[in-house]
């Protein structure tokens, strides 16, 4: 979930949280009034009441966002690998992942910012640090025990850092108010944490831009613990491997291409843009036709594919003559805009879908030294001639030859599996039985659009189907 998605989740929750916080404040005010009438001498200022109210509201929003807005889908998962989120964001080169790191810190800044207003004792660093740790660890435990989240050390670290950043900002404000001028020392301290992360992310960007090839999302953020895991190999693995071809696709991680395709669809079918947003690795455009019927255009950064579809969901069977007529129109449209390679194979599916395919054998890809196309287009025509298709899925890739590259052998790739250096959705654990039945050299796209060779290992874990991909380039 990116920042926009987080905000869209938070806004509907805000009225409920405000109401709960208001009720809580009313109860506390009533109890305080009773306390004073019975001779209580301790007084609370308006600032303390306001800070308390804001903290209750903040806590309610955090709980709604991190726990109560989720389903119980995580089965008590834990992740004690510090900085695994950074490795995941780096491997995927994901804006959303980096945004989540920043958001996890910003989410807890109000805690450290408001605590010093509650009590003089909370204007010291140690009490704020202790309270911040107690609150974030408590939230992580609630997530784990309820199955609504993962207990992650990264979250505890970022939440605590965010709270300390808020505390330092408040200290700079209070110190400047006391001195009636800007306190450069406390202000400098308040800027340390933000500047450290600016330097960190700027350095990561500089390193990334200096590399020729992109990052591979198939790389694991954390290694599997293979102790106690039984691994059996049923395939013969060569100890040597010859060089293979490397390609590049300029439509992948190319926002300009996504914009161009969205504009082409909009103009070709006379659609009006309603909204644009980010959803993970997808860039989304929302359109509507002249009758107000909604259409969604989605461009996927990772594979360069895109899809446009109407949201009516109506099924429609077409005659052979109608399908032939629609094919002529849409095929010409794609050819006119260099979207359909030569030598594609056409077929009709389910009496309502036009399909174009072109496949290059993997052996030819590995040995080739020329540009080639690979992929498919699936299209469900509009109910009227020349209209926006009900569904158009475009996954046709143009791959440009770069050069030959050295790769590791299948045996070396298998050693990576044995060492746990592979991605798997559910972590392996002691007693699991991993059986590897076969392997193949295949290709996958990196974050700069390079079509890199990788090894695919296929088998089972405890009898269930399993497969993983291991980077094959020897300098990767």
Protein backbone atom coordinates (compact mmCIF):
# COMPACT_ATOMS: atom_id res chain seq x y z
CA UNK A 1 0.00 0.00 0.00
CA UNK A 2 1.39 3.43 -0.96
CA UNK A 3 0.82 6.78 0.78
CA UNK A 4 -2.26 7.52 -1.32
CA UNK A 5 -3.75 4.14 -0.43
CA UNK A 6 -3.00 4.70 3.26
CA UNK A 7 -4.71 8.09 3.20
CA UNK A 8 -7.75 6.66 1.40
CA UNK A 9 -7.97 4.05 4.18
CA UNK A 10 -7.54 6.61 6.95
CA UNK A 11 -10.07 9.22 5.83
CA UNK A 12 -13.19 7.05 6.28
CA UNK A 13 -11.92 6.05 9.74
CA UNK A 14 -11.32 9.60 10.94
CA UNK A 15 -14.91 10.45 12.00
CA UNK A 16 -15.18 7.25 14.07
CA UNK A 17 -11.86 7.86 15.78
CA UNK A 18 -12.75 11.50 16.48
CA UNK A 19 -16.01 10.38 18.09
CA UNK A 20 -14.28 7.72 20.23
CA UNK A 21 -11.62 10.21 21.32
CA UNK A 22 -14.30 12.79 22.16
CA UNK A 23 -16.18 10.26 24.32
CA UNK A 24 -12.93 9.30 26.02
CA UNK A 25 -12.14 12.95 26.70
CA UNK A 26 -15.63 13.42 28.14
CA UNK A 27 -15.17 10.47 30.49
CA UNK A 28 -11.76 11.72 31.62
CA UNK A 29 -13.16 15.23 32.16
CA UNK A 30 -15.99 13.82 34.26
CA UNK A 31 -13.61 11.74 36.35
CA UNK A 32 -11.33 14.76 36.78
CA UNK A 33 -14.27 16.89 37.96
CA UNK A 34 -15.25 14.25 40.52
CA UNK A 35 -11.62 14.01 41.61
CA UNK A 36 -11.38 17.76 42.17
CA UNK A 37 -14.68 17.91 44.07
CA UNK A 38 -13.45 15.22 46.42
CA UNK A 39 -10.42 17.28 47.34
CA UNK A 40 -7.93 16.23 44.70
CA UNK A 41 -5.18 18.81 44.44
CA UNK A 42 -3.46 17.85 41.23
CA UNK A 43 -4.33 20.14 38.35
CA UNK A 44 -4.20 19.48 34.63
CA UNK A 45 -3.75 22.26 32.14
CA UNK A 46 -5.69 22.77 28.93
CA UNK A 47 -2.52 21.83 27.01
CA UNK A 48 -2.40 18.48 28.83
CA UNK A 49 -6.05 17.78 28.03
CA UNK A 50 -5.54 18.68 24.37
CA UNK A 51 -2.38 16.56 24.15
CA UNK A 52 -4.21 13.65 25.81
CA UNK A 53 -7.14 13.96 23.41
CA UNK A 54 -4.82 14.05 20.39
CA UNK A 55 -2.89 11.03 21.67
CA UNK A 56 -6.11 9.03 22.08
CA UNK A 57 -7.17 10.00 18.56
CA UNK A 58 -3.73 9.13 17.23
CA UNK A 59 -3.74 5.74 18.94
CA UNK A 60 -7.19 4.97 17.58
CA UNK A 61 -6.10 5.80 14.01
CA UNK A 62 -2.96 3.69 14.36
CA UNK A 63 -4.91 0.70 15.68
CA UNK A 64 -7.53 1.04 12.94
CA UNK A 65 -4.90 1.25 10.23
CA UNK A 66 -2.48 -1.41 11.47
CA UNK A 67 -4.85 -3.93 13.01
CA UNK A 68 -8.62 -3.55 12.83
CA UNK A 69 -8.79 -2.70 9.11
CA UNK A 70 -7.12 -6.05 8.23
CA UNK A 71 -8.34 -9.60 8.06
CA UNK A 72 -6.89 -12.32 10.32
CA UNK A 73 -4.66 -13.79 7.61
CA UNK A 74 -1.18 -13.95 9.10
CA UNK A 75 -1.25 -16.90 11.52
CA UNK A 76 1.06 -15.34 14.12
CA UNK A 77 3.95 -14.67 11.73
CA UNK A 78 7.10 -13.01 13.06
CA UNK A 79 10.09 -11.40 11.37
CA UNK A 80 13.08 -10.72 13.60
CA UNK A 81 15.41 -9.82 10.69
CA UNK A 82 16.27 -6.16 11.13
CA UNK A 83 16.37 -4.10 7.91
CA UNK A 84 14.73 -6.84 5.82
CA UNK A 85 12.28 -4.18 4.62
CA UNK A 86 15.17 -2.20 3.13
CA UNK A 87 16.42 -5.27 1.26
CA UNK A 88 12.92 -5.99 -0.04
CA UNK A 89 12.49 -2.39 -1.22
CA UNK A 90 15.93 -2.51 -2.87
CA UNK A 91 15.32 -5.83 -4.64
CA UNK A 92 11.97 -4.69 -5.99
CA UNK A 93 13.11 -1.07 -6.39
CA UNK A 94 9.64 -0.27 -5.15
CA UNK A 95 8.44 3.26 -4.43
CA UNK A 96 5.62 1.81 -2.33
CA UNK A 97 8.07 -0.15 -0.14
CA UNK A 98 10.21 2.95 0.45
CA UNK A 99 7.08 4.97 1.21
CA UNK A 100 6.03 2.40 3.82
CA UNK A 101 9.39 2.73 5.57
CA UNK A 102 8.95 6.51 5.75
CA UNK A 103 5.29 6.21 6.74
CA UNK A 104 6.07 3.79 9.60
CA UNK A 105 8.31 6.50 11.06
CA UNK A 106 5.95 9.40 10.40
CA UNK A 107 3.03 7.45 11.88
CA UNK A 108 4.70 7.48 15.32
CA UNK A 109 6.01 11.05 15.24
CA UNK A 110 2.83 12.37 16.97
CA UNK A 111 3.55 10.10 19.95
CA UNK A 112 6.97 11.57 20.67
CA UNK A 113 5.73 15.06 19.75
CA UNK A 114 2.81 15.04 22.22
CA UNK A 115 4.26 13.10 25.17
CA UNK A 116 6.33 16.06 26.49
CA UNK A 117 3.09 18.08 26.75
CA UNK A 118 1.55 15.53 29.12
CA UNK A 119 4.11 15.80 31.91
CA UNK A 120 7.39 17.41 32.84
CA UNK A 121 8.78 13.91 33.45
CA UNK A 122 8.12 13.06 29.80
CA UNK A 123 10.37 15.86 28.60
CA UNK A 124 13.39 13.63 29.11
CA UNK A 125 14.67 11.26 26.44
CA UNK A 126 14.66 7.98 28.40
CA UNK A 127 10.97 8.01 29.46
CA UNK A 128 9.88 8.88 25.91
CA UNK A 129 12.02 6.05 24.53
CA UNK A 130 10.56 3.57 27.03
CA UNK A 131 6.96 4.62 26.36
CA UNK A 132 7.55 4.48 22.58
CA UNK A 133 8.97 0.97 22.82
CA UNK A 134 6.10 -0.22 25.03
CA UNK A 135 3.46 1.17 22.66
CA UNK A 136 4.97 -0.15 19.42
CA UNK A 137 5.82 -3.58 20.88
CA UNK A 138 2.28 -3.75 22.26
CA UNK A 139 0.80 -3.01 18.83
CA UNK A 140 3.03 -5.62 17.19
CA UNK A 141 1.98 -8.22 19.79
CA UNK A 142 -1.70 -7.44 19.21
CA UNK A 143 -1.17 -7.86 15.45
CA UNK A 144 0.59 -11.19 15.93
CA UNK A 145 -1.85 -12.64 18.47
CA UNK A 146 -4.90 -11.55 16.45
CA UNK A 147 -3.42 -12.79 13.16
CA UNK A 148 -3.99 -9.33 11.67
CA UNK A 149 -0.36 -8.55 11.06
CA UNK A 150 3.25 -9.67 11.34
CA UNK A 151 5.41 -9.03 14.41
CA UNK A 152 8.33 -7.27 12.69
CA UNK A 153 11.49 -5.92 14.23
CA UNK A 154 11.70 -3.41 11.37
CA UNK A 155 8.36 -1.90 12.42
CA UNK A 156 9.48 -1.57 16.05
CA UNK A 157 12.69 0.13 14.91
CA UNK A 158 10.98 2.57 12.53
CA UNK A 159 8.11 3.35 14.90
CA UNK A 160 10.56 4.11 17.72
CA UNK A 161 12.79 6.22 15.47
CA UNK A 162 9.71 8.16 14.34
CA UNK A 163 8.61 8.80 17.92
CA UNK A 164 12.10 10.01 18.87
CA UNK A 165 12.09 12.31 15.82
CA UNK A 166 8.79 13.81 17.02
CA UNK A 167 10.20 14.19 20.53
CA UNK A 168 13.28 16.04 19.23
CA UNK A 169 11.09 18.42 17.21
CA UNK A 170 8.98 19.23 20.30
CA UNK A 171 12.15 19.71 22.37
CA UNK A 172 13.43 22.18 19.77
CA UNK A 173 10.13 24.09 19.92
CA UNK A 174 10.02 24.17 23.74
CA UNK A 175 13.68 25.15 24.03
CA UNK A 176 13.27 27.96 21.50
CA UNK A 177 10.17 29.21 23.35
CA UNK A 178 12.08 29.33 26.65
CA UNK A 179 15.02 31.18 25.08
CA UNK A 180 12.69 33.30 22.92
CA UNK A 181 14.93 32.67 19.97
CA UNK A 182 15.84 29.73 17.76
CA UNK A 183 17.85 27.14 19.69
CA UNK A 184 20.33 25.97 17.06
CA UNK A 185 21.56 23.00 19.11
CA UNK A 186 18.13 21.43 19.68
CA UNK A 187 17.03 22.32 16.14
CA UNK A 188 20.14 20.63 14.77
CA UNK A 189 19.36 17.50 16.80
CA UNK A 190 15.77 17.53 15.50
CA UNK A 191 17.08 17.57 11.92
CA UNK A 192 19.51 14.68 12.43
CA UNK A 193 17.04 11.83 11.88
CA UNK A 194 15.33 13.29 8.77
CA UNK A 195 18.69 14.19 7.23
CA UNK A 196 20.10 10.71 7.95
CA UNK A 197 17.28 9.11 5.95
CA UNK A 198 17.59 11.68 3.17
CA UNK A 199 21.28 10.74 2.87
CA UNK A 200 20.42 7.02 3.02
CA UNK A 201 17.80 7.12 0.26
CA UNK A 202 19.82 9.54 -1.88
CA UNK A 203 22.83 7.21 -1.65
CA UNK A 204 20.67 4.23 -2.60
CA UNK A 205 19.38 6.14 -5.64
CA UNK A 206 22.92 7.11 -6.67
CA UNK A 207 24.13 3.49 -6.41
CA UNK A 208 21.11 2.25 -8.36
CA UNK A 209 21.54 4.79 -11.14
CA UNK A 210 25.24 3.94 -11.46
CA UNK A 211 24.47 0.28 -12.23
CA UNK A 212 23.84 -0.94 -15.77
CA UNK A 213 21.38 -3.65 -14.80
CA UNK A 214 18.39 -3.30 -12.50
CA UNK A 215 17.46 -5.21 -9.36
CA UNK A 216 15.69 -8.56 -9.29
CA UNK A 217 12.55 -8.90 -7.20
CA UNK A 218 13.14 -12.68 -7.01
CA UNK A 219 16.03 -12.10 -4.61
CA UNK A 220 14.97 -12.80 -1.02
CA UNK A 221 15.02 -10.09 1.62
CA UNK A 222 16.05 -12.77 4.13
CA UNK A 223 17.64 -16.20 3.74
CA UNK A 224 15.77 -19.33 4.71
CA UNK A 225 16.99 -21.20 7.77
CA UNK A 226 17.73 -24.60 6.24
CA UNK A 227 18.88 -26.31 9.42
CA UNK A 228 16.56 -29.24 9.97
CA UNK A 229 15.14 -29.02 6.42
CA UNK A 230 15.59 -32.20 4.40
CA UNK A 231 16.59 -31.46 0.80
CA UNK A 232 16.44 -34.15 -1.89
CA UNK A 233 17.56 -33.70 -5.50
CA UNK A 234 16.05 -35.84 -8.28
CA UNK A 235 17.80 -34.16 -11.22
CA UNK A 236 21.34 -34.23 -12.62
CA UNK A 237 22.93 -30.78 -12.54
CA UNK A 238 25.77 -29.81 -14.92
CA UNK A 239 28.84 -28.23 -13.38
CA UNK A 240 29.41 -25.90 -16.33
CA UNK A 241 27.25 -23.45 -18.31
CA UNK A 242 27.89 -21.63 -21.58
CA UNK A 243 27.23 -17.87 -22.08
CA UNK A 244 23.68 -16.88 -22.95
CA UNK A 245 22.03 -13.76 -24.34
CA UNK A 246 20.91 -10.71 -22.41
CA UNK A 247 18.04 -8.52 -23.65
CA UNK A 248 16.30 -5.30 -22.65
CA UNK A 249 12.68 -4.19 -22.87
CA UNK A 250 12.27 -0.40 -22.82
CA UNK A 251 8.61 -0.59 -21.80
CA UNK A 252 9.34 -1.90 -18.30
CA UNK A 253 9.63 0.56 -15.40
CA UNK A 254 8.92 3.23 -18.00
CA UNK A 255 6.28 5.64 -16.72
CA UNK A 256 6.43 7.61 -19.97
CA UNK A 257 5.38 4.47 -21.87
CA UNK A 258 2.53 3.85 -19.42
CA UNK A 259 1.36 7.45 -19.82
CA UNK A 260 1.57 7.14 -23.60
CA UNK A 261 -0.51 3.98 -23.71
CA UNK A 262 -3.11 5.43 -21.33
CA UNK A 263 -3.37 8.55 -23.51
CA UNK A 264 -3.64 6.42 -26.66
CA UNK A 265 -6.53 4.42 -25.21
CA UNK A 266 -8.22 7.57 -23.94
CA UNK A 267 -8.00 9.40 -27.27
CA UNK A 268 -8.74 6.39 -29.48
CA UNK A 269 -11.99 5.57 -27.70
CA UNK A 270 -13.01 9.10 -26.64
CA UNK A 271 -12.78 8.53 -22.89
CA UNK A 272 -12.62 11.19 -20.20
CA UNK A 273 -10.05 10.90 -17.41
CA UNK A 274 -11.56 10.91 -13.91
CA UNK A 275 -8.64 10.05 -11.63
CA UNK A 276 -5.07 8.77 -11.51
CA UNK A 277 -3.51 6.84 -8.62
CA UNK A 278 -0.81 4.38 -7.55
CA UNK A 279 -1.52 0.83 -6.40
CA UNK A 280 1.72 -0.99 -5.53
CA UNK A 281 3.52 -1.70 -8.80
CA UNK A 282 0.54 -0.53 -10.85
CA UNK A 283 -0.26 2.94 -12.14
CA UNK A 284 -4.02 3.36 -12.46
CA UNK A 285 -6.06 5.70 -14.65
CA UNK A 286 -9.84 5.87 -14.21
CA UNK A 287 -11.82 6.84 -17.33
CA UNK A 288 -15.47 7.18 -18.32
CA UNK A 289 -17.12 7.16 -21.75
CA UNK A 290 -19.70 9.70 -22.97
CA UNK A 291 -22.48 7.69 -21.29
CA UNK A 292 -20.70 7.66 -17.95
CA UNK A 293 -19.64 3.99 -18.09
CA UNK A 294 -16.40 3.54 -16.08
CA UNK A 295 -13.16 2.12 -17.51
CA UNK A 296 -9.92 1.35 -15.71
CA UNK A 297 -6.47 1.47 -17.30
CA UNK A 298 -3.68 -0.24 -15.33
CA UNK A 299 0.02 -0.21 -16.27
CA UNK A 300 2.30 -2.67 -14.44
CA UNK A 301 5.82 -1.39 -13.82
CA UNK A 302 7.40 -4.81 -13.34
CA UNK A 303 6.47 -6.40 -16.66
CA UNK A 304 5.48 -3.43 -18.83
CA UNK A 305 2.05 -4.94 -19.50
CA UNK A 306 -1.17 -3.00 -19.31
CA UNK A 307 -4.90 -3.59 -19.23
CA UNK A 308 -8.01 -1.56 -19.91
CA UNK A 309 -11.41 -2.88 -18.91
CA UNK A 310 -14.96 -1.75 -18.39
CA UNK A 311 -16.60 -2.48 -15.06
CA UNK A 312 -20.03 -3.65 -16.24
CA UNK A 313 -19.05 -7.35 -16.12
CA UNK A 314 -21.69 -8.23 -18.73
CA UNK A 315 -21.15 -11.45 -20.69
CA UNK A 316 -21.67 -11.28 -24.42
CA UNK A 317 -21.40 -14.08 -27.00
CA UNK A 318 -20.63 -12.96 -30.54
CA UNK A 319 -21.17 -14.61 -33.89
CA UNK A 320 -18.24 -15.55 -36.08
CA UNK A 321 -19.06 -12.67 -38.44
CA UNK A 322 -19.13 -10.18 -35.58
CA UNK A 323 -15.82 -11.44 -34.21
CA UNK A 324 -14.26 -11.21 -37.69
CA UNK A 325 -15.45 -7.62 -38.01
CA UNK A 326 -14.15 -6.68 -34.58
CA UNK A 327 -10.83 -8.38 -35.29
CA UNK A 328 -10.33 -6.28 -38.42
CA UNK A 329 -10.95 -3.05 -36.48
CA UNK A 330 -8.81 -3.75 -33.40
CA UNK A 331 -6.03 -5.43 -35.36
CA UNK A 332 -5.73 -2.38 -37.64
CA UNK A 333 -5.72 -0.12 -34.59
CA UNK A 334 -2.84 -2.05 -33.01
CA UNK A 335 -0.87 -2.27 -36.28
CA UNK A 336 -1.28 1.48 -36.87
CA UNK A 337 0.32 2.13 -33.49
CA UNK A 338 3.11 -0.51 -33.74
CA UNK A 339 1.57 -2.61 -30.99
CA UNK A 340 1.22 -5.91 -32.83
CA UNK A 341 4.38 -7.71 -34.04
CA UNK A 342 4.49 -9.66 -37.25
CA UNK A 343 3.98 -13.43 -37.23
CA UNK A 344 1.51 -13.40 -34.35
CA UNK A 345 -0.94 -16.29 -34.17
CA UNK A 346 -4.62 -15.34 -33.99
CA UNK A 347 -7.31 -17.35 -32.23
CA UNK A 348 -10.81 -16.98 -30.80
CA UNK A 349 -11.64 -18.09 -27.26
CA UNK A 350 -15.03 -18.71 -25.64
CA UNK A 351 -16.90 -17.02 -28.50
CA UNK A 352 -16.16 -13.59 -27.01
CA UNK A 353 -12.37 -13.10 -26.90
CA UNK A 354 -9.85 -12.25 -29.61
CA UNK A 355 -6.32 -13.41 -28.93
CA UNK A 356 -2.93 -12.83 -30.57
CA UNK A 357 0.13 -14.86 -29.48
CA UNK A 358 3.80 -15.00 -30.33
CA UNK A 359 6.23 -17.28 -28.53
CA UNK A 360 9.99 -17.58 -28.85
CA UNK A 361 11.44 -20.92 -27.70
CA UNK A 362 13.69 -20.56 -24.66
CA UNK A 363 16.60 -22.20 -26.46
CA UNK A 364 16.32 -19.61 -29.22
CA UNK A 365 16.17 -16.80 -26.65
CA UNK A 366 19.29 -18.02 -24.84
CA UNK A 367 21.25 -18.49 -28.09
CA UNK A 368 19.83 -15.58 -30.08
CA UNK A 369 21.48 -12.31 -31.01
CA UNK A 370 18.60 -10.33 -32.52
CA UNK A 371 15.49 -8.52 -31.32
CA UNK A 372 12.42 -10.68 -30.73
CA UNK A 373 8.82 -10.33 -29.58
CA UNK A 374 7.17 -12.50 -27.00
CA UNK A 375 3.77 -12.47 -25.33
CA UNK A 376 0.08 -12.14 -26.06
CA UNK A 377 -2.87 -9.80 -26.44
CA UNK A 378 -6.36 -10.78 -25.25
CA UNK A 379 -9.31 -8.58 -26.16
CA UNK A 380 -13.03 -8.73 -25.48
CA UNK A 381 -14.68 -6.43 -28.08
CA UNK A 382 -17.12 -3.67 -27.29
CA UNK A 383 -20.83 -4.24 -27.88
CA UNK A 384 -20.74 -1.60 -30.63
CA UNK A 385 -18.30 -1.28 -33.51
CA UNK A 386 -15.29 0.93 -32.77
CA UNK A 387 -16.01 1.28 -29.05
CA UNK A 388 -13.65 0.85 -26.11
CA UNK A 389 -13.06 -2.88 -25.57
CA UNK A 390 -14.76 -4.47 -22.60
CA UNK A 391 -11.39 -5.92 -21.66
CA UNK A 392 -7.99 -5.55 -23.32
CA UNK A 393 -4.99 -7.26 -21.73
CA UNK A 394 -1.72 -6.30 -23.46
CA UNK A 395 1.33 -8.40 -22.56
CA UNK A 396 3.34 -8.19 -25.78
CA UNK A 397 7.06 -7.62 -25.11
CA UNK A 398 9.64 -6.30 -27.56
CA UNK A 399 13.09 -7.46 -26.40
CA UNK A 400 16.23 -5.86 -27.78
CA UNK A 401 19.45 -7.89 -27.87
CA UNK A 402 22.24 -6.48 -25.66
CA UNK A 403 25.14 -8.99 -25.52
CA UNK A 404 26.23 -12.43 -24.35
CA UNK A 405 26.75 -12.85 -20.59
CA UNK A 406 28.43 -15.45 -18.41
CA UNK A 407 26.16 -17.44 -16.11
CA UNK A 408 26.66 -19.77 -13.17
CA UNK A 409 26.08 -23.49 -13.62
CA UNK A 410 22.91 -25.32 -12.54
CA UNK A 411 24.98 -26.95 -9.77
CA UNK A 412 26.04 -23.53 -8.46
CA UNK A 413 22.44 -22.33 -8.59
CA UNK A 414 21.36 -25.41 -6.65
CA UNK A 415 23.93 -24.54 -3.98
CA UNK A 416 22.05 -21.25 -3.50
CA UNK A 417 18.86 -23.24 -2.84
CA UNK A 418 20.62 -25.50 -0.32
CA UNK A 419 21.98 -22.40 1.38
CA UNK A 420 18.47 -20.92 1.69
CA UNK A 421 19.18 -17.98 -0.60
CA UNK A 422 15.80 -18.05 -2.36
CA UNK A 423 12.37 -16.50 -1.98
CA UNK A 424 9.43 -18.45 -0.57
CA UNK A 425 6.10 -17.04 0.65
CA UNK A 426 5.92 -19.14 3.82
CA UNK A 427 9.26 -19.66 5.57
CA UNK A 428 10.58 -23.21 5.72
CA UNK A 429 10.97 -24.70 9.16
CA UNK A 430 12.63 -27.64 10.87
CA UNK A 431 11.22 -30.95 9.70
CA UNK A 432 10.14 -29.72 6.25
CA UNK A 433 11.02 -31.90 3.25
CA UNK A 434 12.11 -30.06 0.12
CA UNK A 435 12.27 -32.22 -3.00
CA UNK A 436 13.70 -30.73 -6.21
CA UNK A 437 12.56 -32.64 -9.28
CA UNK A 438 13.77 -30.56 -12.23
CA UNK A 439 15.29 -27.28 -13.31
CA UNK A 440 15.32 -25.06 -16.40
CA UNK A 441 17.03 -21.92 -17.61
CA UNK A 442 14.35 -19.25 -18.08
CA UNK A 443 14.21 -15.46 -18.20
CA UNK A 444 12.75 -12.70 -16.03
CA UNK A 445 12.77 -8.89 -16.13
CA UNK A 446 14.73 -6.78 -13.68
CA UNK A 447 13.77 -3.30 -12.47
CA UNK A 448 15.44 -1.60 -15.45
CA UNK A 449 13.75 -3.78 -18.04
CA UNK A 450 16.66 -6.14 -18.70
CA UNK A 451 15.58 -9.66 -19.59
CA UNK A 452 17.93 -11.66 -17.39
CA UNK A 453 18.59 -15.42 -17.38
CA UNK A 454 17.53 -17.22 -14.19
CA UNK A 455 17.23 -20.84 -13.11
CA UNK A 456 13.81 -22.20 -12.20
CA UNK A 457 13.81 -25.11 -9.78
CA UNK A 458 10.56 -27.06 -9.49
CA UNK A 459 9.55 -29.66 -6.91
CA UNK A 460 7.56 -30.03 -3.71
CA UNK A 461 7.64 -28.98 -0.06
CA UNK A 462 6.01 -31.62 2.14
CA UNK A 463 4.25 -32.93 -0.95
CA UNK A 464 2.88 -29.52 -2.03
CA UNK A 465 3.95 -27.91 -5.31
CA UNK A 466 6.94 -25.57 -4.99
CA UNK A 467 9.20 -23.62 -7.29
CA UNK A 468 11.71 -20.82 -7.02
CA UNK A 469 13.93 -18.69 -9.25
CA UNK A 470 17.68 -18.21 -8.75
CA UNK A 471 19.62 -15.42 -10.56
CA UNK A 472 21.91 -16.96 -13.15
CA UNK A 473 24.28 -14.15 -14.15
CA UNK A 474 27.70 -14.80 -12.66
CA UNK A 475 28.33 -11.10 -11.89
CA UNK A 476 24.84 -10.67 -10.37
